[in-house]
Amino acid sequence: MVDNWRSWCCWTTSYWMIYICILLVCRIKESTQQIVIEELKVPKVVKAGDNTSVILDCVYDLHNSSTRGLVVKWYVNDTILLYQWIYGLPPITDPTDEHIQCGYKATDDPTTMYRAMKINNLNIKHTGDYKCNVFSVADDVSRETSMIVYSPEETFDLKYEKNDDESGEVVEVTCIAGGLYPEPTLEISVK
């Protein structure tokens, strides 16, 4: 009977120790919440043009994270690094893309001031999947969304011609459009 009592006590003690450890781990995780990207502000569709500018903003919160090693990066199509800001240093941009305005300030807060990227004079080459990556020594998070930069047609010509042949009336339709992006899908219905 004593052995059963000891066995039950050991099992109960072990159970409570595991329970307390789980509670402590949950509490520690809760109190050390890391970087969170709260919102990724990227327009879905934008018209290309000389006077068109957009701001791609990566709204994040450090919560209890340290600024040690804080870096914000913007990528397009997952591999091309367009913009990088290392906390405490001025931001740098892709030297091959003269449309990105280096040094645009999103906020006056020193931990988030260069989180956004401004693109001036958009063209169709700026269509793509944009990813913001925020990391520090404690955490690494990213979010991604798409932006389409469209161009309306420069030329558009729609012609139709009726012809009679042996089988009856035939209509020939010709549609020509140039200088537009993305490439449209044309649907013709007959009633």
Protein backbone atom coordinates (compact mmCIF):
# COMPACT_ATOMS: atom_id res chain seq x y z
CA MET A 1 0.00 0.00 0.00
CA VAL A 2 2.91 2.33 0.80
CA ASP A 3 4.40 1.64 -2.65
CA ASN A 4 1.10 2.58 -4.29
CA TRP A 5 1.01 5.79 -2.26
CA ARG A 6 4.57 6.71 -3.26
CA SER A 7 3.86 5.92 -6.91
CA TRP A 8 0.73 8.09 -6.83
CA CYS A 9 2.61 10.96 -5.13
CA CYS A 10 5.44 10.79 -7.68
CA TRP A 11 2.98 10.78 -10.57
CA THR A 12 0.99 13.70 -9.11
CA THR A 13 4.14 15.70 -8.39
CA SER A 14 5.44 15.08 -11.92
CA TYR A 15 2.08 16.08 -13.37
CA TRP A 16 2.07 19.37 -11.44
CA MET A 17 5.68 20.14 -12.35
CA ILE A 18 4.91 19.66 -16.05
CA TYR A 19 1.81 21.83 -15.73
CA ILE A 20 3.78 24.62 -14.00
CA CYS A 21 6.53 24.43 -16.64
CA ILE A 22 3.96 24.79 -19.44
CA LEU A 23 2.42 27.80 -17.70
CA LEU A 24 5.83 29.42 -17.27
CA VAL A 25 6.79 28.87 -20.91
CA CYS A 26 3.47 30.35 -22.07
CA ARG A 27 3.93 33.34 -19.77
CA ILE A 28 7.51 33.94 -20.93
CA LYS A 29 6.44 33.75 -24.60
CA GLU A 30 3.61 36.18 -23.93
CA SER A 31 5.88 38.69 -22.20
CA THR A 32 8.54 38.57 -24.93
CA GLN A 33 6.30 39.11 -27.94
CA GLN A 34 8.47 39.88 -30.95
CA ILE A 35 8.17 41.98 -34.12
CA VAL A 36 4.75 42.06 -35.76
CA ILE A 37 4.00 43.46 -39.22
CA GLU A 38 0.60 44.99 -38.56
CA GLU A 39 -0.13 46.18 -42.09
CA LEU A 40 1.47 46.17 -45.51
CA LYS A 41 0.22 49.22 -47.41
CA VAL A 42 0.76 48.57 -51.11
CA PRO A 43 -1.79 49.68 -53.71
CA LYS A 44 -3.24 46.77 -55.67
CA VAL A 45 -3.55 48.64 -58.99
CA VAL A 46 -1.88 51.90 -60.10
CA LYS A 47 -1.84 53.73 -63.42
CA ALA A 48 1.63 54.29 -64.88
CA GLY A 49 2.70 57.83 -65.63
CA ASP A 50 5.30 60.55 -65.23
CA ASN A 51 3.55 62.14 -62.26
CA THR A 52 2.57 58.93 -60.50
CA SER A 53 4.17 58.14 -57.14
CA VAL A 54 3.30 55.45 -54.63
CA ILE A 55 4.39 54.75 -51.09
CA LEU A 56 4.84 51.13 -50.06
CA ASP A 57 4.60 51.12 -46.27
CA CYS A 58 5.48 48.29 -43.92
CA VAL A 59 3.75 49.14 -40.64
CA TYR A 60 5.39 47.10 -37.89
CA ASP A 61 5.57 47.07 -34.11
CA LEU A 62 8.68 45.97 -32.25
CA HIS A 63 6.71 45.26 -29.05
CA ASN A 64 9.41 44.26 -26.57
CA SER A 65 12.09 43.57 -29.19
CA SER A 66 15.41 45.35 -29.09
CA THR A 67 16.50 47.60 -31.95
CA ARG A 68 19.81 45.74 -31.97
CA GLY A 69 20.30 44.41 -35.47
CA LEU A 70 17.03 45.99 -36.73
CA VAL A 71 16.87 45.88 -40.54
CA VAL A 72 14.01 46.60 -42.96
CA LYS A 73 14.26 45.25 -46.51
CA TRP A 74 11.94 45.52 -49.49
CA TYR A 75 12.09 42.89 -52.25
CA VAL A 76 10.27 42.60 -55.56
CA ASN A 77 9.44 39.18 -56.99
CA ASP A 78 11.06 37.56 -53.94
CA THR A 79 14.67 37.91 -55.06
CA ILE A 80 15.45 41.47 -56.13
CA LEU A 81 16.44 43.66 -53.18
CA LEU A 82 15.16 47.19 -53.85
CA TYR A 83 15.58 48.90 -50.49
CA GLN A 84 17.37 48.34 -47.20
CA TRP A 85 17.43 50.29 -43.98
CA ILE A 86 19.68 49.32 -41.08
CA TYR A 87 18.65 51.04 -37.86
CA GLY A 88 20.99 53.94 -37.12
CA LEU A 89 22.18 54.29 -40.73
CA PRO A 90 20.68 56.01 -43.77
CA PRO A 91 18.67 53.76 -46.11
CA ILE A 92 20.10 52.49 -49.39
CA THR A 93 18.29 51.60 -52.61
CA ASP A 94 18.91 49.57 -55.74
CA PRO A 95 21.21 51.79 -57.81
CA THR A 96 19.73 50.43 -61.05
CA ASP A 97 16.24 51.74 -60.20
CA GLU A 98 16.34 55.53 -60.31
CA HIS A 99 12.60 55.66 -59.53
CA ILE A 100 13.05 54.78 -55.84
CA GLN A 101 13.35 57.85 -53.65
CA CYS A 102 16.06 57.18 -51.10
CA GLY A 103 15.50 58.69 -47.66
CA TYR A 104 11.70 58.98 -47.68
CA LYS A 105 10.54 59.26 -44.03
CA ALA A 106 7.33 57.47 -43.08
CA THR A 107 7.36 58.59 -39.42
CA ASP A 108 9.39 60.64 -36.97
CA ASP A 109 9.89 57.61 -34.71
CA PRO A 110 13.57 56.61 -35.01
CA THR A 111 12.66 52.89 -34.93
CA THR A 112 10.23 53.11 -37.88
CA MET A 113 11.13 56.29 -39.80
CA TYR A 114 12.52 54.54 -42.89
CA ARG A 115 10.13 51.57 -43.00
CA ALA A 116 8.47 52.80 -46.24
CA MET A 117 9.69 52.99 -49.80
CA LYS A 118 8.54 55.70 -52.24
CA ILE A 119 8.56 54.97 -55.97
CA ASN A 120 8.29 57.94 -58.36
CA ASN A 121 7.32 57.95 -62.05
CA LEU A 122 5.91 54.43 -62.02
CA ASN A 123 6.02 52.34 -65.14
CA ILE A 124 4.85 48.84 -66.01
CA LYS A 125 8.20 47.38 -64.93
CA HIS A 126 7.16 48.10 -61.33
CA THR A 127 4.43 45.44 -61.53
CA GLY A 128 5.27 42.58 -59.19
CA ASP A 129 5.08 40.90 -55.80
CA TYR A 130 6.48 43.16 -53.09
CA LYS A 131 7.77 41.73 -49.82
CA CYS A 132 8.72 43.62 -46.67
CA ASN A 133 11.14 41.83 -44.37
CA VAL A 134 11.77 43.16 -40.85
CA PHE A 135 14.32 41.46 -38.64
CA SER A 136 16.52 41.96 -35.61
CA VAL A 137 18.69 39.71 -33.49
CA ALA A 138 15.52 38.41 -31.84
CA ASP A 139 13.07 37.90 -34.70
CA ASP A 140 12.55 37.77 -38.48
CA VAL A 141 9.14 38.43 -40.08
CA SER A 142 7.93 39.24 -43.58
CA ARG A 143 4.74 39.92 -45.54
CA GLU A 144 4.09 40.03 -49.25
CA THR A 145 1.47 41.44 -51.62
CA SER A 146 1.10 42.24 -55.32
CA MET A 147 0.95 45.53 -57.19
CA ILE A 148 -0.07 45.92 -60.84
CA VAL A 149 1.04 49.04 -62.67
CA TYR A 150 -1.16 49.32 -65.74
CA SER A 151 -0.85 51.40 -68.87
CA PRO A 152 -3.94 52.35 -70.90
CA GLU A 153 -3.83 51.93 -74.65
CA GLU A 154 -1.91 54.42 -76.76
CA THR A 155 -3.68 53.27 -79.91
CA PHE A 156 -7.00 51.51 -80.29
CA ASP A 157 -8.74 50.57 -83.51
CA LEU A 158 -11.91 48.48 -83.80
CA LYS A 159 -13.17 47.72 -87.30
CA TYR A 160 -15.88 45.47 -88.55
CA GLU A 161 -16.91 44.56 -92.05
CA LYS A 162 -20.01 42.74 -93.27
CA ASN A 163 -19.58 40.30 -96.12
CA ASP A 164 -22.08 38.06 -97.81
CA ASP A 165 -20.97 34.62 -98.80
CA GLU A 166 -22.72 31.40 -99.76
CA SER A 167 -23.51 30.48 -96.14
CA GLY A 168 -25.07 33.83 -95.29
CA GLU A 169 -23.94 37.03 -93.67
CA VAL A 170 -20.39 37.07 -92.25
CA VAL A 171 -18.98 39.78 -90.00
CA GLU A 172 -15.24 40.24 -89.77
CA VAL A 173 -14.06 42.09 -86.66
CA THR A 174 -10.54 43.46 -86.26
CA CYS A 175 -9.34 44.87 -82.93
CA ILE A 176 -5.90 46.41 -82.61
CA ALA A 177 -4.60 48.01 -79.41
CA GLY A 178 -1.07 49.09 -78.66
CA GLY A 179 0.92 50.34 -75.70
CA LEU A 180 -1.26 48.79 -73.02
CA TYR A 181 -0.35 46.62 -70.06
CA PRO A 182 -1.17 44.06 -68.80
CA GLU A 183 -2.13 42.27 -71.97
CA PRO A 184 -5.94 42.18 -72.11
CA THR A 185 -8.21 39.24 -72.73
CA LEU A 186 -10.70 39.93 -75.52
CA GLU A 187 -14.10 38.30 -75.47
CA ILE A 188 -16.55 38.63 -78.35
CA SER A 189 -20.11 37.46 -78.02
CA VAL A 190 -22.67 37.11 -80.78
CA LYS A 191 -26.37 37.63 -80.17
